[in-house]
Amino acid sequence: MEQSEGRETYVPGRDTGRRLGAKDIGQGLGERATLVQFSSAFCQPCRATRRVLAEVAAMVPGVAHVEIDAEDHLDLVRELRVLKTPTVLVLDARGHVVRRAAGQPRKADVIAALGEAV
């Protein structure tokens, strides 16, 4: 993961060929893309990230936002190498990770990252 001035930088996901689905993330994928947010209970940037991702998902048709409590899904956190919260994965319609970032995102960066998924 890359960091830039305290904000996240979206980097290409490490596509191992594994797809994430409803069983992994707790709900169905978006028709076009899914924003998966790993959060923790006392993470202040996670709250702001939740707002940004929800706004983008509401603006872009076919995009879903799913928030996952990292502490409740440690196996998935380890498998996906989530090292801090918030971490955001951008999934395409088939559930492949196409982008990932750690840190609080800006709305424009999320929209740009979605461009690779849709």
C-alpha atoms as a PDB file:
ATOM      1  CA  MET A   1       0.000   0.000   0.000  1.00  0.00           C
ATOM      2  CA  GLU A   2       1.160   3.466  -0.718  1.00  0.00           C
ATOM      3  CA  GLN A   3       0.638   6.459   1.511  1.00  0.00           C
ATOM      4  CA  SER A   4       0.603  10.084   0.449  1.00  0.00           C
ATOM      5  CA  GLU A   5       0.375  13.074   2.799  1.00  0.00           C
ATOM      6  CA  GLY A   6      -1.784  11.249   5.353  1.00  0.00           C
ATOM      7  CA  ARG A   7      -4.356  10.311   2.727  1.00  0.00           C
ATOM      8  CA  GLU A   8      -4.729   7.068   0.901  1.00  0.00           C
ATOM      9  CA  THR A   9      -3.462   6.295  -2.555  1.00  0.00           C
ATOM     10  CA  TYR A  10      -5.314   3.646  -4.473  1.00  0.00           C
ATOM     11  CA  VAL A  11      -2.960   0.991  -5.768  1.00  0.00           C
ATOM     12  CA  PRO A  12      -3.682  -2.003  -7.974  1.00  0.00           C
ATOM     13  CA  GLY A  13      -5.045  -4.929  -5.992  1.00  0.00           C
ATOM     14  CA  ARG A  14      -3.143  -8.164  -5.852  1.00  0.00           C
ATOM     15  CA  ASP A  15      -5.502 -10.325  -7.836  1.00  0.00           C
ATOM     16  CA  THR A  16      -4.809 -13.875  -6.789  1.00  0.00           C
ATOM     17  CA  GLY A  17      -7.718 -15.103  -8.837  1.00  0.00           C
ATOM     18  CA  ARG A  18      -9.867 -15.418  -5.715  1.00  0.00           C
ATOM     19  CA  ARG A  19     -13.177 -13.672  -5.934  1.00  0.00           C
ATOM     20  CA  LEU A  20     -14.998 -12.255  -2.931  1.00  0.00           C
ATOM     21  CA  GLY A  21     -18.698 -12.905  -2.746  1.00  0.00           C
ATOM     22  CA  ALA A  22     -21.685 -12.516  -0.454  1.00  0.00           C
ATOM     23  CA  LYS A  23     -20.447 -15.277   1.835  1.00  0.00           C
ATOM     24  CA  ASP A  24     -17.166 -13.411   2.372  1.00  0.00           C
ATOM     25  CA  ILE A  25     -18.475  -9.878   2.795  1.00  0.00           C
ATOM     26  CA  GLY A  26     -21.864 -10.525   4.354  1.00  0.00           C
ATOM     27  CA  GLN A  27     -24.059  -9.192   1.542  1.00  0.00           C
ATOM     28  CA  GLY A  28     -24.382  -9.306  -2.215  1.00  0.00           C
ATOM     29  CA  LEU A  29     -22.025  -7.558  -4.589  1.00  0.00           C
ATOM     30  CA  GLY A  30     -23.011  -4.410  -6.416  1.00  0.00           C
ATOM     31  CA  GLU A  31     -24.193  -4.835  -9.989  1.00  0.00           C
ATOM     32  CA  ARG A  32     -21.182  -2.891 -11.321  1.00  0.00           C
ATOM     33  CA  ALA A  33     -18.763  -2.645  -8.371  1.00  0.00           C
ATOM     34  CA  THR A  34     -18.491  -2.955  -4.608  1.00  0.00           C
ATOM     35  CA  LEU A  35     -16.632  -0.752  -2.132  1.00  0.00           C
ATOM     36  CA  VAL A  36     -15.558  -2.958   0.779  1.00  0.00           C
ATOM     37  CA  GLN A  37     -14.453  -1.060   3.876  1.00  0.00           C
ATOM     38  CA  PHE A  38     -12.605  -2.746   6.746  1.00  0.00           C
ATOM     39  CA  SER A  39     -13.175  -0.775   9.954  1.00  0.00           C
ATOM     40  CA  SER A  40     -12.679  -1.056  13.685  1.00  0.00           C
ATOM     41  CA  ALA A  41     -14.816   0.220  16.528  1.00  0.00           C
ATOM     42  CA  PHE A  42     -12.644   3.094  17.742  1.00  0.00           C
ATOM     43  CA  CYS A  43     -11.268   4.199  14.373  1.00  0.00           C
ATOM     44  CA  GLN A  44     -12.107   7.873  13.816  1.00  0.00           C
ATOM     45  CA  PRO A  45     -11.081   7.906  10.112  1.00  0.00           C
ATOM     46  CA  CYS A  46     -13.387   4.903   9.597  1.00  0.00           C
ATOM     47  CA  ARG A  47     -16.429   7.065  10.318  1.00  0.00           C
ATOM     48  CA  ALA A  48     -15.448   9.643   7.723  1.00  0.00           C
ATOM     49  CA  THR A  49     -14.624   6.858   5.263  1.00  0.00           C
ATOM     50  CA  ARG A  50     -18.084   5.359   5.815  1.00  0.00           C
ATOM     51  CA  ARG A  51     -19.688   8.689   4.866  1.00  0.00           C
ATOM     52  CA  VAL A  52     -17.561   9.144   1.734  1.00  0.00           C
ATOM     53  CA  LEU A  53     -18.112   5.600   0.467  1.00  0.00           C
ATOM     54  CA  ALA A  54     -21.851   5.743   1.160  1.00  0.00           C
ATOM     55  CA  GLU A  55     -22.096   9.032  -0.772  1.00  0.00           C
ATOM     56  CA  VAL A  56     -20.211   7.595  -3.754  1.00  0.00           C
ATOM     57  CA  ALA A  57     -22.285   4.401  -3.735  1.00  0.00           C
ATOM     58  CA  ALA A  58     -25.459   6.528  -3.740  1.00  0.00           C
ATOM     59  CA  MET A  59     -24.158   8.646  -6.644  1.00  0.00           C
ATOM     60  CA  VAL A  60     -22.952   5.843  -8.919  1.00  0.00           C
ATOM     61  CA  PRO A  61     -25.622   3.390 -10.107  1.00  0.00           C
ATOM     62  CA  GLY A  62     -24.819  -0.267  -9.500  1.00  0.00           C
ATOM     63  CA  VAL A  63     -22.194   0.381  -6.813  1.00  0.00           C
ATOM     64  CA  ALA A  64     -22.614  -1.078  -3.323  1.00  0.00           C
ATOM     65  CA  HIS A  65     -20.830  -0.149  -0.097  1.00  0.00           C
ATOM     66  CA  VAL A  66     -20.134  -2.863   2.468  1.00  0.00           C
ATOM     67  CA  GLU A  67     -18.502  -2.177   5.829  1.00  0.00           C
ATOM     68  CA  ILE A  68     -16.797  -5.079   7.596  1.00  0.00           C
ATOM     69  CA  ASP A  69     -15.713  -5.035  11.241  1.00  0.00           C
ATOM     70  CA  ALA A  70     -12.093  -6.179  11.015  1.00  0.00           C
ATOM     71  CA  GLU A  71     -12.111  -7.621  14.539  1.00  0.00           C
ATOM     72  CA  ASP A  72     -15.070  -9.871  13.723  1.00  0.00           C
ATOM     73  CA  HIS A  73     -13.521 -11.183  10.483  1.00  0.00           C
ATOM     74  CA  LEU A  74      -9.897 -11.896  11.360  1.00  0.00           C
ATOM     75  CA  ASP A  75      -9.532 -14.787   8.898  1.00  0.00           C
ATOM     76  CA  LEU A  76     -10.548 -12.547   6.004  1.00  0.00           C
ATOM     77  CA  VAL A  77      -8.356  -9.705   7.317  1.00  0.00           C
ATOM     78  CA  ARG A  78      -5.346 -12.029   7.366  1.00  0.00           C
ATOM     79  CA  GLU A  79      -6.111 -13.530   3.976  1.00  0.00           C
ATOM     80  CA  LEU A  80      -6.434 -10.103   2.356  1.00  0.00           C
ATOM     81  CA  ARG A  81      -3.482  -8.669   4.310  1.00  0.00           C
ATOM     82  CA  VAL A  82      -5.442  -5.810   5.807  1.00  0.00           C
ATOM     83  CA  LEU A  83      -2.873  -4.098   8.021  1.00  0.00           C
ATOM     84  CA  LYS A  84      -4.779  -1.037   9.247  1.00  0.00           C
ATOM     85  CA  THR A  85      -8.233   0.492   9.316  1.00  0.00           C
ATOM     86  CA  PRO A  86      -9.765   1.879   7.331  1.00  0.00           C
ATOM     87  CA  THR A  87      -8.759  -0.232   4.362  1.00  0.00           C
ATOM     88  CA  VAL A  88     -10.915  -0.030   1.252  1.00  0.00           C
ATOM     89  CA  LEU A  89     -11.078  -2.652  -1.486  1.00  0.00           C
ATOM     90  CA  VAL A  90     -12.685  -1.857  -4.817  1.00  0.00           C
ATOM     91  CA  LEU A  91     -14.221  -4.991  -6.306  1.00  0.00           C
ATOM     92  CA  ASP A  92     -15.430  -5.394  -9.857  1.00  0.00           C
ATOM     93  CA  ALA A  93     -18.825  -6.964 -10.594  1.00  0.00           C
ATOM     94  CA  ARG A  94     -17.314 -10.469 -10.332  1.00  0.00           C
ATOM     95  CA  GLY A  95     -15.722  -9.821  -6.934  1.00  0.00           C
ATOM     96  CA  HIS A  96     -12.098  -9.397  -8.014  1.00  0.00           C
ATOM     97  CA  VAL A  97     -10.057  -6.809  -6.117  1.00  0.00           C
ATOM     98  CA  VAL A  98      -9.029  -4.175  -8.669  1.00  0.00           C
ATOM     99  CA  ARG A  99      -7.890  -1.437  -6.261  1.00  0.00           C
ATOM    100  CA  ARG A 100      -7.106  -1.132  -2.577  1.00  0.00           C
ATOM    101  CA  ALA A 101      -6.119   1.658  -0.226  1.00  0.00           C
ATOM    102  CA  ALA A 102      -5.486   2.257   3.447  1.00  0.00           C
ATOM    103  CA  GLY A 103      -6.435   5.513   5.110  1.00  0.00           C
ATOM    104  CA  GLN A 104      -9.247   8.009   4.804  1.00  0.00           C
ATOM    105  CA  PRO A 105     -10.196   8.516   1.134  1.00  0.00           C
ATOM    106  CA  ARG A 106     -11.241  11.624  -0.723  1.00  0.00           C
ATOM    107  CA  LYS A 107     -14.431  11.323  -2.741  1.00  0.00           C
ATOM    108  CA  ALA A 108     -12.643  12.142  -6.016  1.00  0.00           C
ATOM    109  CA  ASP A 109     -10.111   9.353  -5.414  1.00  0.00           C
ATOM    110  CA  VAL A 110     -12.868   6.805  -4.768  1.00  0.00           C
ATOM    111  CA  ILE A 111     -14.660   7.801  -7.964  1.00  0.00           C
ATOM    112  CA  ALA A 112     -11.406   7.545  -9.934  1.00  0.00           C
ATOM    113  CA  ALA A 113     -10.674   4.101  -8.446  1.00  0.00           C
ATOM    114  CA  LEU A 114     -14.151   2.926  -9.456  1.00  0.00           C
ATOM    115  CA  GLY A 115     -13.245   3.694 -13.054  1.00  0.00           C
ATOM    116  CA  GLU A 116     -11.088   0.579 -13.164  1.00  0.00           C
ATOM    117  CA  ALA A 117     -13.850  -1.636 -11.756  1.00  0.00           C
ATOM    118  CA  VAL A 118     -16.742  -0.598 -13.980  1.00  0.00           C
END
